[in-house]
C-alpha atoms as a PDB file:
ATOM      1  CA  UNK A   1      -8.932  -8.272 -22.908  1.00  0.00           C
ATOM      2  CA  UNK A   2     -11.748  -6.388 -21.192  1.00  0.00           C
ATOM      3  CA  UNK A   3     -11.607  -2.837 -22.530  1.00  0.00           C
ATOM      4  CA  UNK A   4     -14.839  -1.415 -21.137  1.00  0.00           C
ATOM      5  CA  UNK A   5     -17.359  -2.165 -18.414  1.00  0.00           C
ATOM      6  CA  UNK A   6     -20.924  -0.823 -18.559  1.00  0.00           C
ATOM      7  CA  UNK A   7     -23.695  -1.623 -16.128  1.00  0.00           C
ATOM      8  CA  UNK A   8     -25.334  -0.658 -12.844  1.00  0.00           C
ATOM      9  CA  UNK A   9     -23.364   0.267  -9.727  1.00  0.00           C
ATOM     10  CA  UNK A  10     -23.978  -2.137  -6.849  1.00  0.00           C
ATOM     11  CA  UNK A  11     -21.326  -0.837  -4.459  1.00  0.00           C
ATOM     12  CA  UNK A  12     -18.939   2.108  -4.262  1.00  0.00           C
ATOM     13  CA  UNK A  13     -15.764   2.576  -2.235  1.00  0.00           C
ATOM     14  CA  UNK A  14     -12.882   5.060  -2.268  1.00  0.00           C
ATOM     15  CA  UNK A  15     -10.716   2.870  -4.483  1.00  0.00           C
ATOM     16  CA  UNK A  16     -13.074   0.499  -6.293  1.00  0.00           C
ATOM     17  CA  UNK A  17     -16.590   0.038  -7.581  1.00  0.00           C
ATOM     18  CA  UNK A  18     -18.736  -3.072  -8.108  1.00  0.00           C
ATOM     19  CA  UNK A  19     -20.641  -2.940 -11.399  1.00  0.00           C
ATOM     20  CA  UNK A  20     -23.349  -5.402 -12.353  1.00  0.00           C
ATOM     21  CA  UNK A  21     -23.319  -6.349 -16.028  1.00  0.00           C
ATOM     22  CA  UNK A  22     -26.374  -8.518 -16.709  1.00  0.00           C
ATOM     23  CA  UNK A  23     -26.074 -10.427 -13.466  1.00  0.00           C
ATOM     24  CA  UNK A  24     -22.268 -10.593 -13.296  1.00  0.00           C
ATOM     25  CA  UNK A  25     -20.572  -8.288 -10.819  1.00  0.00           C
ATOM     26  CA  UNK A  26     -17.188  -6.848 -11.775  1.00  0.00           C
ATOM     27  CA  UNK A  27     -14.896  -5.221  -9.218  1.00  0.00           C
ATOM     28  CA  UNK A  28     -13.143  -2.312 -10.931  1.00  0.00           C
ATOM     29  CA  UNK A  29     -10.334  -0.480  -9.151  1.00  0.00           C
ATOM     30  CA  UNK A  30     -10.390   3.286  -9.679  1.00  0.00           C
ATOM     31  CA  UNK A  31      -8.595   6.383  -8.454  1.00  0.00           C
ATOM     32  CA  UNK A  32     -10.190   8.472  -5.716  1.00  0.00           C
ATOM     33  CA  UNK A  33     -10.810  11.201  -8.301  1.00  0.00           C
ATOM     34  CA  UNK A  34     -12.736   8.789 -10.523  1.00  0.00           C
ATOM     35  CA  UNK A  35     -14.612   7.256  -7.591  1.00  0.00           C
ATOM     36  CA  UNK A  36     -15.813  10.677  -6.466  1.00  0.00           C
ATOM     37  CA  UNK A  37     -17.195  11.425  -9.933  1.00  0.00           C
ATOM     38  CA  UNK A  38     -19.166   8.189 -10.330  1.00  0.00           C
ATOM     39  CA  UNK A  39     -22.969   8.202  -9.929  1.00  0.00           C
ATOM     40  CA  UNK A  40     -24.581   6.746  -6.784  1.00  0.00           C
ATOM     41  CA  UNK A  41     -25.436   3.100  -6.180  1.00  0.00           C
ATOM     42  CA  UNK A  42     -28.283   1.899  -8.362  1.00  0.00           C
ATOM     43  CA  UNK A  43     -27.457   4.112 -11.330  1.00  0.00           C
ATOM     44  CA  UNK A  44     -25.808   3.192 -14.621  1.00  0.00           C
ATOM     45  CA  UNK A  45     -22.111   3.807 -15.183  1.00  0.00           C
ATOM     46  CA  UNK A  46     -19.388   2.897 -17.639  1.00  0.00           C
ATOM     47  CA  UNK A  47     -15.604   2.857 -17.466  1.00  0.00           C
ATOM     48  CA  UNK A  48     -12.785   2.104 -19.863  1.00  0.00           C
ATOM     49  CA  UNK A  49     -10.765  -0.684 -18.303  1.00  0.00           C
ATOM     50  CA  UNK A  50      -7.300  -2.188 -18.284  1.00  0.00           C
ATOM     51  CA  UNK A  51      -6.830  -5.781 -17.133  1.00  0.00           C
ATOM     52  CA  UNK A  52      -3.795  -6.580 -14.992  1.00  0.00           C
ATOM     53  CA  UNK A  53      -2.888 -10.269 -15.195  1.00  0.00           C
ATOM     54  CA  UNK A  54      -0.661 -11.979 -12.646  1.00  0.00           C
ATOM     55  CA  UNK A  55      -0.111 -15.618 -11.809  1.00  0.00           C
ATOM     56  CA  UNK A  56      -2.485 -15.514  -8.851  1.00  0.00           C
ATOM     57  CA  UNK A  57      -4.527 -12.392  -9.532  1.00  0.00           C
ATOM     58  CA  UNK A  58      -6.704 -10.678 -12.118  1.00  0.00           C
ATOM     59  CA  UNK A  59      -7.521  -7.001 -11.512  1.00  0.00           C
ATOM     60  CA  UNK A  60      -9.555  -4.550 -13.548  1.00  0.00           C
ATOM     61  CA  UNK A  61      -8.665  -0.849 -13.394  1.00  0.00           C
ATOM     62  CA  UNK A  62     -11.185   1.709 -14.596  1.00  0.00           C
ATOM     63  CA  UNK A  63     -10.876   5.137 -16.213  1.00  0.00           C
ATOM     64  CA  UNK A  64     -13.403   7.751 -17.349  1.00  0.00           C
ATOM     65  CA  UNK A  65     -11.483   8.565 -20.559  1.00  0.00           C
ATOM     66  CA  UNK A  66      -9.096   6.800 -22.910  1.00  0.00           C
ATOM     67  CA  UNK A  67      -6.577   9.573 -22.240  1.00  0.00           C
ATOM     68  CA  UNK A  68      -6.392   8.590 -18.574  1.00  0.00           C
ATOM     69  CA  UNK A  69      -6.137   4.925 -19.506  1.00  0.00           C
ATOM     70  CA  UNK A  70      -3.252   5.710 -21.849  1.00  0.00           C
ATOM     71  CA  UNK A  71      -1.398   7.591 -19.127  1.00  0.00           C
ATOM     72  CA  UNK A  72      -1.955   4.653 -16.763  1.00  0.00           C
ATOM     73  CA  UNK A  73      -0.408   2.257 -19.246  1.00  0.00           C
ATOM     74  CA  UNK A  74       2.567   4.564 -19.804  1.00  0.00           C
ATOM     75  CA  UNK A  75       3.113   5.112 -16.091  1.00  0.00           C
ATOM     76  CA  UNK A  76       3.159   1.354 -15.601  1.00  0.00           C
ATOM     77  CA  UNK A  77       6.116   1.077 -18.008  1.00  0.00           C
ATOM     78  CA  UNK A  78       8.299   3.025 -15.584  1.00  0.00           C
ATOM     79  CA  UNK A  79      10.341   0.793 -13.312  1.00  0.00           C
ATOM     80  CA  UNK A  80       9.000   0.985  -9.784  1.00  0.00           C
ATOM     81  CA  UNK A  81       5.545   2.237 -10.786  1.00  0.00           C
ATOM     82  CA  UNK A  82       2.907  -0.377 -10.111  1.00  0.00           C
ATOM     83  CA  UNK A  83      -0.831  -0.098 -10.501  1.00  0.00           C
ATOM     84  CA  UNK A  84      -1.221   1.399  -7.024  1.00  0.00           C
ATOM     85  CA  UNK A  85       1.307   4.174  -7.683  1.00  0.00           C
ATOM     86  CA  UNK A  86      -0.153   4.889 -11.113  1.00  0.00           C
ATOM     87  CA  UNK A  87      -3.665   5.253  -9.718  1.00  0.00           C
ATOM     88  CA  UNK A  88      -2.339   7.479  -6.934  1.00  0.00           C
ATOM     89  CA  UNK A  89      -0.641   9.771  -9.478  1.00  0.00           C
ATOM     90  CA  UNK A  90      -3.738   9.949 -11.673  1.00  0.00           C
ATOM     91  CA  UNK A  91      -5.980  10.429  -8.664  1.00  0.00           C
ATOM     92  CA  UNK A  92      -3.858  13.359  -7.489  1.00  0.00           C
ATOM     93  CA  UNK A  93      -3.261  15.124 -10.804  1.00  0.00           C
ATOM     94  CA  UNK A  94      -5.772  13.790 -13.309  1.00  0.00           C
ATOM     95  CA  UNK A  95      -4.770  12.866 -16.860  1.00  0.00           C
ATOM     96  CA  UNK A  96      -4.262  16.486 -17.950  1.00  0.00           C
ATOM     97  CA  UNK A  97      -2.250  17.301 -14.841  1.00  0.00           C
ATOM     98  CA  UNK A  98       0.020  14.312 -15.384  1.00  0.00           C
ATOM     99  CA  UNK A  99       0.667  15.430 -18.965  1.00  0.00           C
ATOM    100  CA  UNK A 100       1.521  18.974 -17.875  1.00  0.00           C
ATOM    101  CA  UNK A 101       3.794  17.817 -15.056  1.00  0.00           C
ATOM    102  CA  UNK A 102       5.760  15.451 -17.266  1.00  0.00           C
ATOM    103  CA  UNK A 103       6.030  17.879 -20.183  1.00  0.00           C
ATOM    104  CA  UNK A 104       7.378  20.558 -17.830  1.00  0.00           C
ATOM    105  CA  UNK A 105       9.697  18.162 -16.029  1.00  0.00           C
ATOM    106  CA  UNK A 106       7.851  18.920 -12.795  1.00  0.00           C
ATOM    107  CA  UNK A 107       8.807  15.964 -10.623  1.00  0.00           C
ATOM    108  CA  UNK A 108       7.504  17.757  -7.527  1.00  0.00           C
ATOM    109  CA  UNK A 109       3.959  17.528  -8.871  1.00  0.00           C
ATOM    110  CA  UNK A 110       4.319  13.779  -9.407  1.00  0.00           C
ATOM    111  CA  UNK A 111       5.820  13.423  -5.931  1.00  0.00           C
ATOM    112  CA  UNK A 112       2.637  14.933  -4.451  1.00  0.00           C
ATOM    113  CA  UNK A 113       0.869  11.615  -5.072  1.00  0.00           C
ATOM    114  CA  UNK A 114       0.629   9.396  -1.953  1.00  0.00           C
ATOM    115  CA  UNK A 115       3.383   6.790  -1.822  1.00  0.00           C
ATOM    116  CA  UNK A 116       5.509   8.335  -4.568  1.00  0.00           C
ATOM    117  CA  UNK A 117       8.994   9.335  -3.448  1.00  0.00           C
ATOM    118  CA  UNK A 118      11.322  11.902  -5.049  1.00  0.00           C
ATOM    119  CA  UNK A 119      13.481   9.351  -6.894  1.00  0.00           C
ATOM    120  CA  UNK A 120      10.475   7.614  -8.403  1.00  0.00           C
ATOM    121  CA  UNK A 121       8.884  10.923  -9.365  1.00  0.00           C
ATOM    122  CA  UNK A 122      12.088  11.977 -11.115  1.00  0.00           C
ATOM    123  CA  UNK A 123      12.255   8.657 -12.944  1.00  0.00           C
ATOM    124  CA  UNK A 124       8.677   9.091 -14.167  1.00  0.00           C
ATOM    125  CA  UNK A 125       9.486  12.506 -15.587  1.00  0.00           C
ATOM    126  CA  UNK A 126      12.760  11.428 -17.186  1.00  0.00           C
ATOM    127  CA  UNK A 127      11.391   8.267 -18.807  1.00  0.00           C
ATOM    128  CA  UNK A 128       8.114   9.714 -20.085  1.00  0.00           C
ATOM    129  CA  UNK A 129       9.057  13.275 -21.020  1.00  0.00           C
ATOM    130  CA  UNK A 130       9.721  12.365 -24.662  1.00  0.00           C
ATOM    131  CA  UNK A 131       6.384  10.538 -24.882  1.00  0.00           C
ATOM    132  CA  UNK A 132       4.304  13.329 -23.346  1.00  0.00           C
ATOM    133  CA  UNK A 133       3.916  15.390 -26.555  1.00  0.00           C
ATOM    134  CA  UNK A 134       2.491  12.410 -28.436  1.00  0.00           C
ATOM    135  CA  UNK A 135      -0.084  11.676 -25.748  1.00  0.00           C
ATOM    136  CA  UNK A 136      -0.955  15.364 -25.400  1.00  0.00           C
ATOM    137  CA  UNK A 137      -1.465  15.596 -29.161  1.00  0.00           C
ATOM    138  CA  UNK A 138      -3.924  12.701 -28.983  1.00  0.00           C
ATOM    139  CA  UNK A 139      -5.822  14.331 -26.131  1.00  0.00           C
ATOM    140  CA  UNK A 140      -8.585  15.697 -28.326  1.00  0.00           C
ATOM    141  CA  UNK A 141      -9.484  12.231 -29.609  1.00  0.00           C
ATOM    142  CA  UNK A 142      -9.109  10.440 -26.278  1.00  0.00           C
ATOM    143  CA  UNK A 143     -11.065  12.671 -23.904  1.00  0.00           C
ATOM    144  CA  UNK A 144     -14.655  11.736 -24.738  1.00  0.00           C
ATOM    145  CA  UNK A 145     -16.167  10.610 -21.442  1.00  0.00           C
ATOM    146  CA  UNK A 146     -17.074   6.923 -21.657  1.00  0.00           C
ATOM    147  CA  UNK A 147     -20.491   7.723 -20.195  1.00  0.00           C
ATOM    148  CA  UNK A 148     -21.273   9.936 -23.201  1.00  0.00           C
ATOM    149  CA  UNK A 149     -20.589   7.384 -25.910  1.00  0.00           C
ATOM    150  CA  UNK A 150     -23.593   5.971 -27.754  1.00  0.00           C
ATOM    151  CA  UNK A 151     -24.959   2.674 -26.405  1.00  0.00           C
ATOM    152  CA  UNK A 152     -22.798   2.795 -23.302  1.00  0.00           C
ATOM    153  CA  UNK A 153     -25.182   0.554 -21.383  1.00  0.00           C
ATOM    154  CA  UNK A 154     -26.632  -2.541 -22.975  1.00  0.00           C
ATOM    155  CA  UNK A 155     -30.326  -2.262 -23.910  1.00  0.00           C
ATOM    156  CA  UNK A 156     -31.415  -4.361 -20.935  1.00  0.00           C
ATOM    157  CA  UNK A 157     -29.963  -1.814 -18.500  1.00  0.00           C
ATOM    158  CA  UNK A 158     -31.256   1.728 -17.836  1.00  0.00           C
ATOM    159  CA  UNK A 159     -29.742   4.395 -20.077  1.00  0.00           C
ATOM    160  CA  UNK A 160     -27.852   7.246 -18.370  1.00  0.00           C
ATOM    161  CA  UNK A 161     -28.686  10.817 -19.263  1.00  0.00           C
ATOM    162  CA  UNK A 162     -26.173  12.371 -21.641  1.00  0.00           C
ATOM    163  CA  UNK A 163     -23.938  14.789 -19.782  1.00  0.00           C
ATOM    164  CA  UNK A 164     -22.256  17.918 -21.094  1.00  0.00           C
ATOM    165  CA  UNK A 165     -18.586  17.671 -22.006  1.00  0.00           C
ATOM    166  CA  UNK A 166     -16.540  17.974 -18.834  1.00  0.00           C
ATOM    167  CA  UNK A 167     -14.131  20.892 -18.294  1.00  0.00           C
ATOM    168  CA  UNK A 168     -11.264  18.385 -18.152  1.00  0.00           C
ATOM    169  CA  UNK A 169     -12.189  17.022 -21.581  1.00  0.00           C
ATOM    170  CA  UNK A 170     -12.474  20.541 -23.009  1.00  0.00           C
ATOM    171  CA  UNK A 171      -9.088  21.435 -21.529  1.00  0.00           C
ATOM    172  CA  UNK A 172      -7.406  18.339 -22.956  1.00  0.00           C
ATOM    173  CA  UNK A 173      -8.930  18.969 -26.369  1.00  0.00           C
ATOM    174  CA  UNK A 174      -7.718  22.584 -26.375  1.00  0.00           C
ATOM    175  CA  UNK A 175      -4.256  21.442 -25.289  1.00  0.00           C
ATOM    176  CA  UNK A 176      -4.097  18.878 -28.094  1.00  0.00           C
ATOM    177  CA  UNK A 177      -5.234  21.435 -30.698  1.00  0.00           C
ATOM    178  CA  UNK A 178      -2.761  24.056 -29.476  1.00  0.00           C
ATOM    179  CA  UNK A 179       0.104  21.571 -29.533  1.00  0.00           C
ATOM    180  CA  UNK A 180      -0.815  20.496 -33.046  1.00  0.00           C
ATOM    181  CA  UNK A 181      -0.848  24.142 -34.161  1.00  0.00           C
ATOM    182  CA  UNK A 182       2.620  24.792 -32.725  1.00  0.00           C
ATOM    183  CA  UNK A 183       4.015  21.670 -34.364  1.00  0.00           C
ATOM    184  CA  UNK A 184       2.575  22.845 -37.682  1.00  0.00           C
ATOM    185  CA  UNK A 185       4.405  26.140 -37.157  1.00  0.00           C
ATOM    186  CA  UNK A 186       7.683  24.251 -36.988  1.00  0.00           C
ATOM    187  CA  UNK A 187       8.376  24.119 -33.266  1.00  0.00           C
ATOM    188  CA  UNK A 188       9.944  20.948 -31.858  1.00  0.00           C
ATOM    189  CA  UNK A 189       7.768  18.509 -29.943  1.00  0.00           C
ATOM    190  CA  UNK A 190       9.569  18.991 -26.656  1.00  0.00           C
ATOM    191  CA  UNK A 191       9.554  22.786 -26.587  1.00  0.00           C
ATOM    192  CA  UNK A 192       6.012  22.987 -27.943  1.00  0.00           C
ATOM    193  CA  UNK A 193       4.681  20.528 -25.352  1.00  0.00           C
ATOM    194  CA  UNK A 194       6.421  22.359 -22.508  1.00  0.00           C
ATOM    195  CA  UNK A 195       5.054  25.726 -23.646  1.00  0.00           C
ATOM    196  CA  UNK A 196       1.495  24.425 -24.047  1.00  0.00           C
ATOM    197  CA  UNK A 197       1.665  22.653 -20.692  1.00  0.00           C
ATOM    198  CA  UNK A 198       2.805  25.835 -18.945  1.00  0.00           C
ATOM    199  CA  UNK A 199       0.198  27.953 -20.726  1.00  0.00           C
ATOM    200  CA  UNK A 200      -2.553  25.461 -19.878  1.00  0.00           C
ATOM    201  CA  UNK A 201      -1.492  25.452 -16.246  1.00  0.00           C
ATOM    202  CA  UNK A 202      -1.636  29.248 -16.084  1.00  0.00           C
ATOM    203  CA  UNK A 203      -4.888  29.489 -18.096  1.00  0.00           C
ATOM    204  CA  UNK A 204      -6.911  26.423 -17.122  1.00  0.00           C
ATOM    205  CA  UNK A 205     -10.142  27.400 -18.881  1.00  0.00           C
ATOM    206  CA  UNK A 206      -8.481  28.853 -21.994  1.00  0.00           C
ATOM    207  CA  UNK A 207      -9.893  27.927 -25.394  1.00  0.00           C
ATOM    208  CA  UNK A 208      -7.574  26.830 -28.184  1.00  0.00           C
ATOM    209  CA  UNK A 209      -6.870  30.300 -29.705  1.00  0.00           C
ATOM    210  CA  UNK A 210      -6.001  31.804 -26.315  1.00  0.00           C
ATOM    211  CA  UNK A 211      -3.839  28.813 -25.475  1.00  0.00           C
ATOM    212  CA  UNK A 212      -1.945  29.147 -28.752  1.00  0.00           C
ATOM    213  CA  UNK A 213      -1.303  32.861 -28.128  1.00  0.00           C
ATOM    214  CA  UNK A 214      -0.099  32.213 -24.584  1.00  0.00           C
ATOM    215  CA  UNK A 215       2.177  29.410 -25.772  1.00  0.00           C
ATOM    216  CA  UNK A 216       3.668  31.566 -28.524  1.00  0.00           C
ATOM    217  CA  UNK A 217       4.448  34.273 -25.971  1.00  0.00           C
ATOM    218  CA  UNK A 218       6.325  31.736 -23.898  1.00  0.00           C
ATOM    219  CA  UNK A 219       8.252  30.557 -26.957  1.00  0.00           C
ATOM    220  CA  UNK A 220       9.109  34.058 -28.164  1.00  0.00           C
ATOM    221  CA  UNK A 221      12.799  34.996 -27.863  1.00  0.00           C
ATOM    222  CA  UNK A 222      13.513  36.922 -24.705  1.00  0.00           C
ATOM    223  CA  UNK A 223      15.079  40.251 -25.645  1.00  0.00           C
END
């Protein structure tokens, strides 16, 4: 299994990238969101990957974080969701957006992805809603950008400059910490995940303490 690709970009397109790894070029399929965030041709890049194996085809799909890769693998377990639909959903919403939509039962958000109809969107929400809290709780450990890990590129290739933590990674980490705090307070996984998802959607740049307070307000009994 190929779990990560690191090398120099030879070619970029809207839905894939060609990466040279010591003389071997790998075509890695990516979402439009990921493609837009990749560096230009000639620069070093790295992606977590998932290998799709069929009788007549091998395809690599790339993701900037393990959180996004995990959502891809979960989306692919839903009947009717193939790799193309999964990448469209992730490209439209991002990993954090997918988590929020599923936790809130927001099928309309899933349906916004190209090629995803209302029935399929509803099936995604119904089948993955119980799994969303677990993935959200892991967000803090799965959101390190692959390009920021030590020794991303092999010594023979140029080393990329270390980038600051992305807002998406910070948001996912805060969401995971807030969810963990609510679970420790005794709230159920489903209600805690829904509250955190709603609070995160309404306060996108909120740090963990603010997110916890906003979530608790949503969970408070309505008098």
